[in-house]
N, C-alpha and C. Protein backbone atom coordinates (compact mmCIF):
# COMPACT_ATOMS: atom_id res chain seq x y z
N MET A 1 89.74 100.82 94.53
CA MET A 1 91.17 100.69 94.70
C MET A 1 91.82 102.04 94.98
N GLY A 2 91.21 103.12 94.50
CA GLY A 2 91.76 104.45 94.73
C GLY A 2 91.76 104.82 96.20
N TRP A 3 90.70 104.42 96.93
CA TRP A 3 90.64 104.72 98.36
C TRP A 3 91.71 103.97 99.13
N LEU A 4 92.00 102.74 98.71
CA LEU A 4 93.05 101.96 99.38
C LEU A 4 94.40 102.66 99.25
N TRP A 5 94.70 103.13 98.03
CA TRP A 5 95.95 103.85 97.83
C TRP A 5 95.98 105.16 98.60
N ALA A 6 94.85 105.83 98.68
CA ALA A 6 94.78 107.09 99.45
C ALA A 6 95.08 106.82 100.92
N ILE A 7 94.56 105.73 101.46
CA ILE A 7 94.81 105.40 102.86
C ILE A 7 96.27 105.02 103.07
N ILE A 8 96.83 104.23 102.16
CA ILE A 8 98.24 103.82 102.29
C ILE A 8 99.17 105.03 102.19
N VAL A 9 98.95 105.87 101.19
CA VAL A 9 99.80 107.06 101.02
C VAL A 9 99.62 108.01 102.20
N GLY A 10 98.38 108.19 102.66
CA GLY A 10 98.14 109.04 103.82
C GLY A 10 98.82 108.52 105.07
N PHE A 11 98.78 107.21 105.26
CA PHE A 11 99.45 106.59 106.40
C PHE A 11 100.95 106.84 106.35
N LEU A 12 101.56 106.61 105.18
CA LEU A 12 103.01 106.80 105.05
C LEU A 12 103.40 108.28 105.18
N LEU A 13 102.64 109.17 104.54
CA LEU A 13 102.96 110.59 104.66
C LEU A 13 102.80 111.07 106.10
N GLY A 14 101.76 110.60 106.78
CA GLY A 14 101.56 110.98 108.18
C GLY A 14 102.70 110.52 109.07
N LEU A 15 103.15 109.27 108.86
CA LEU A 15 104.26 108.76 109.67
C LEU A 15 105.56 109.50 109.39
N ILE A 16 105.83 109.79 108.11
CA ILE A 16 107.04 110.53 107.77
C ILE A 16 106.97 111.94 108.36
N ALA A 17 105.80 112.57 108.26
CA ALA A 17 105.65 113.92 108.83
C ALA A 17 105.85 113.90 110.34
N LYS A 18 105.30 112.88 111.03
CA LYS A 18 105.50 112.77 112.48
C LYS A 18 106.97 112.59 112.82
N ALA A 19 107.70 111.86 111.99
CA ALA A 19 109.12 111.63 112.24
C ALA A 19 109.94 112.91 112.03
N ILE A 20 109.51 113.76 111.11
CA ILE A 20 110.26 114.98 110.80
C ILE A 20 109.99 116.08 111.83
N ILE A 21 108.76 116.16 112.30
CA ILE A 21 108.39 117.22 113.24
C ILE A 21 109.10 116.97 114.57
N PRO A 22 109.80 117.98 115.11
CA PRO A 22 110.48 117.77 116.39
C PRO A 22 109.49 117.66 117.55
N GLY A 23 109.87 116.93 118.55
CA GLY A 23 109.02 116.76 119.73
C GLY A 23 108.06 115.59 119.56
N LYS A 24 107.21 115.42 120.57
CA LYS A 24 106.27 114.32 120.55
C LYS A 24 104.91 114.81 120.06
N GLN A 25 104.32 114.05 119.15
CA GLN A 25 102.97 114.34 118.70
C GLN A 25 102.03 113.38 119.41
N HIS A 26 100.88 113.89 119.82
CA HIS A 26 99.98 113.11 120.65
C HIS A 26 98.77 112.60 119.91
N SER A 27 98.60 112.97 118.66
CA SER A 27 97.43 112.54 117.92
C SER A 27 97.51 111.04 117.62
N PRO A 28 96.37 110.35 117.64
CA PRO A 28 96.37 108.90 117.40
C PRO A 28 96.71 108.58 115.94
N LEU A 29 97.01 107.32 115.68
CA LEU A 29 97.46 106.89 114.37
C LEU A 29 96.39 107.09 113.30
N TRP A 30 95.14 106.85 113.63
CA TRP A 30 94.07 107.02 112.63
C TRP A 30 93.94 108.48 112.23
N LEU A 31 94.15 109.39 113.17
CA LEU A 31 94.06 110.81 112.87
C LEU A 31 95.28 111.27 112.06
N THR A 32 96.43 110.70 112.36
CA THR A 32 97.63 111.00 111.59
C THR A 32 97.46 110.54 110.15
N THR A 33 96.81 109.40 109.95
CA THR A 33 96.54 108.92 108.59
C THR A 33 95.63 109.88 107.85
N ILE A 34 94.61 110.37 108.51
CA ILE A 34 93.71 111.35 107.87
C ILE A 34 94.47 112.63 107.55
N PHE A 35 95.31 113.09 108.47
CA PHE A 35 96.12 114.28 108.20
C PHE A 35 97.05 114.05 107.00
N GLY A 36 97.62 112.86 106.90
CA GLY A 36 98.47 112.53 105.76
C GLY A 36 97.70 112.52 104.45
N MET A 37 96.46 112.00 104.49
CA MET A 37 95.62 112.01 103.30
C MET A 37 95.29 113.44 102.88
N LEU A 38 94.99 114.30 103.85
CA LEU A 38 94.72 115.71 103.55
C LEU A 38 95.97 116.39 102.99
N GLY A 39 97.14 116.03 103.51
CA GLY A 39 98.40 116.56 102.99
C GLY A 39 98.64 116.15 101.55
N ALA A 40 98.29 114.91 101.22
CA ALA A 40 98.45 114.44 99.84
C ALA A 40 97.52 115.20 98.91
N ILE A 41 96.29 115.42 99.34
CA ILE A 41 95.33 116.17 98.52
C ILE A 41 95.80 117.61 98.33
N ALA A 42 96.21 118.25 99.42
CA ALA A 42 96.67 119.63 99.33
C ALA A 42 97.96 119.73 98.50
N GLY A 43 98.86 118.77 98.66
CA GLY A 43 100.10 118.77 97.87
C GLY A 43 99.84 118.60 96.39
N ASN A 44 98.87 117.75 96.04
CA ASN A 44 98.51 117.59 94.63
C ASN A 44 97.93 118.87 94.07
N ALA A 45 97.10 119.55 94.84
CA ALA A 45 96.52 120.81 94.38
C ALA A 45 97.59 121.88 94.19
N ILE A 46 98.52 121.96 95.12
CA ILE A 46 99.60 122.95 95.01
C ILE A 46 100.50 122.62 93.83
N ALA A 47 100.80 121.33 93.63
CA ALA A 47 101.62 120.93 92.49
C ALA A 47 100.93 121.25 91.17
N GLY A 48 99.62 121.05 91.14
CA GLY A 48 98.88 121.39 89.93
C GLY A 48 98.90 122.88 89.65
N ALA A 49 98.78 123.68 90.71
CA ALA A 49 98.82 125.13 90.55
C ALA A 49 100.22 125.60 90.13
N ALA A 50 101.25 124.88 90.57
CA ALA A 50 102.62 125.25 90.22
C ALA A 50 103.02 124.72 88.85
N GLY A 51 102.17 123.86 88.26
CA GLY A 51 102.45 123.34 86.93
C GLY A 51 103.35 122.13 86.90
N VAL A 52 103.48 121.42 88.00
CA VAL A 52 104.33 120.24 88.04
C VAL A 52 103.54 118.99 88.42
N ALA A 53 102.24 119.00 88.16
CA ALA A 53 101.40 117.86 88.56
C ALA A 53 101.69 116.62 87.72
N ALA A 54 101.96 116.78 86.46
CA ALA A 54 102.19 115.64 85.58
C ALA A 54 103.54 115.81 84.88
N THR A 55 104.50 115.02 85.29
CA THR A 55 105.82 115.03 84.67
C THR A 55 106.15 113.61 84.25
N PRO A 56 107.02 113.43 83.26
CA PRO A 56 107.38 112.07 82.88
C PRO A 56 108.21 111.41 83.99
N GLY A 57 107.96 110.15 84.23
CA GLY A 57 108.70 109.43 85.27
C GLY A 57 108.09 109.66 86.64
N ILE A 58 108.92 109.57 87.66
CA ILE A 58 108.46 109.76 89.03
C ILE A 58 108.31 111.25 89.30
N ASP A 59 107.18 111.63 89.87
CA ASP A 59 106.89 113.04 90.15
C ASP A 59 107.49 113.45 91.50
N TRP A 60 108.79 113.64 91.55
CA TRP A 60 109.45 113.97 92.81
C TRP A 60 108.98 115.31 93.36
N SER A 61 108.77 116.27 92.47
CA SER A 61 108.33 117.58 92.95
C SER A 61 106.93 117.49 93.55
N ARG A 62 106.04 116.70 92.95
CA ARG A 62 104.69 116.52 93.50
C ARG A 62 104.77 115.86 94.86
N HIS A 63 105.64 114.87 95.00
CA HIS A 63 105.80 114.19 96.29
C HIS A 63 106.37 115.13 97.34
N ALA A 64 107.25 116.02 96.93
CA ALA A 64 107.80 117.00 97.87
C ALA A 64 106.71 117.96 98.36
N PHE A 65 105.85 118.40 97.43
CA PHE A 65 104.72 119.25 97.83
C PHE A 65 103.79 118.50 98.78
N GLN A 66 103.54 117.23 98.52
CA GLN A 66 102.68 116.43 99.39
C GLN A 66 103.28 116.30 100.79
N LEU A 67 104.58 116.06 100.85
CA LEU A 67 105.23 115.88 102.14
C LEU A 67 105.22 117.18 102.95
N VAL A 68 105.52 118.30 102.31
CA VAL A 68 105.51 119.58 103.01
C VAL A 68 104.11 119.90 103.52
N ALA A 69 103.10 119.65 102.68
CA ALA A 69 101.72 119.90 103.10
C ALA A 69 101.34 118.98 104.25
N ALA A 70 101.77 117.71 104.20
CA ALA A 70 101.47 116.77 105.29
C ALA A 70 102.15 117.20 106.58
N ILE A 71 103.37 117.69 106.51
CA ILE A 71 104.07 118.15 107.71
C ILE A 71 103.30 119.31 108.35
N ILE A 72 102.88 120.24 107.53
CA ILE A 72 102.13 121.39 108.06
C ILE A 72 100.81 120.95 108.66
N ILE A 73 100.08 120.09 107.96
CA ILE A 73 98.77 119.66 108.44
C ILE A 73 98.90 118.79 109.69
N VAL A 74 99.89 117.91 109.75
CA VAL A 74 100.08 117.09 110.95
C VAL A 74 100.44 117.97 112.15
N ALA A 75 101.31 118.94 111.94
CA ALA A 75 101.70 119.83 113.05
C ALA A 75 100.50 120.64 113.55
N LEU A 76 99.76 121.25 112.63
CA LEU A 76 98.60 122.04 113.03
C LEU A 76 97.50 121.15 113.62
N GLY A 77 97.29 119.99 113.02
CA GLY A 77 96.28 119.07 113.53
C GLY A 77 96.61 118.55 114.91
N ASP A 78 97.89 118.30 115.18
CA ASP A 78 98.27 117.83 116.51
C ASP A 78 98.09 118.93 117.55
N MET A 79 98.38 120.17 117.16
CA MET A 79 98.14 121.27 118.09
C MET A 79 96.65 121.40 118.40
N ALA A 80 95.82 121.27 117.38
CA ALA A 80 94.37 121.34 117.59
C ALA A 80 93.89 120.16 118.45
N TYR A 81 94.44 118.99 118.21
CA TYR A 81 94.07 117.80 118.99
C TYR A 81 94.42 118.00 120.46
N MET A 82 95.60 118.52 120.73
CA MET A 82 96.01 118.73 122.12
C MET A 82 95.22 119.86 122.76
N ALA A 83 94.82 120.85 121.97
CA ALA A 83 94.00 121.93 122.53
C ALA A 83 92.62 121.41 122.93
N MET A 84 92.11 120.45 122.17
CA MET A 84 90.78 119.92 122.48
C MET A 84 90.81 118.83 123.54
N TRP A 85 91.77 117.90 123.44
CA TRP A 85 91.76 116.72 124.30
C TRP A 85 92.93 116.64 125.27
N GLY A 86 93.87 117.57 125.20
CA GLY A 86 95.07 117.49 126.02
C GLY A 86 94.80 117.59 127.51
N ASN A 87 93.93 118.51 127.93
CA ASN A 87 93.64 118.67 129.36
C ASN A 87 92.94 117.45 129.92
N LYS A 88 92.06 116.84 129.15
CA LYS A 88 91.36 115.64 129.62
C LYS A 88 92.31 114.48 129.82
N LYS A 89 93.28 114.35 128.93
CA LYS A 89 94.26 113.27 129.07
C LYS A 89 95.18 113.51 130.26
N ARG A 90 95.56 114.77 130.49
CA ARG A 90 96.44 115.06 131.62
C ARG A 90 95.72 114.85 132.95
N GLN A 91 94.42 115.14 133.01
CA GLN A 91 93.68 114.96 134.25
C GLN A 91 93.54 113.48 134.60
N ARG A 92 93.42 112.60 133.60
CA ARG A 92 93.31 111.17 133.86
C ARG A 92 94.61 110.57 134.37
N ALA A 93 95.73 111.13 133.95
CA ALA A 93 97.03 110.54 134.30
C ALA A 93 97.46 110.86 135.70
């Protein structure tokens, strides 16, 4: 059940990060989900290091760390994706 939640949270974080980042992102949805999952993992680690990993109630600060990490990872991942596959896609079009 933990993997299912990781996929759902990664999917939502990836979509929110794509919506926040200006411009068009070209990475496919499955890759955005993986980037969102990585953002959630990195955000949890940063929140733990900052001492806000476990708070009573909803962990808004942990979620903020997750979202910021997902935005950074989605942006960097999309740049890497376009650097690797961008020229091939442009040549086909």
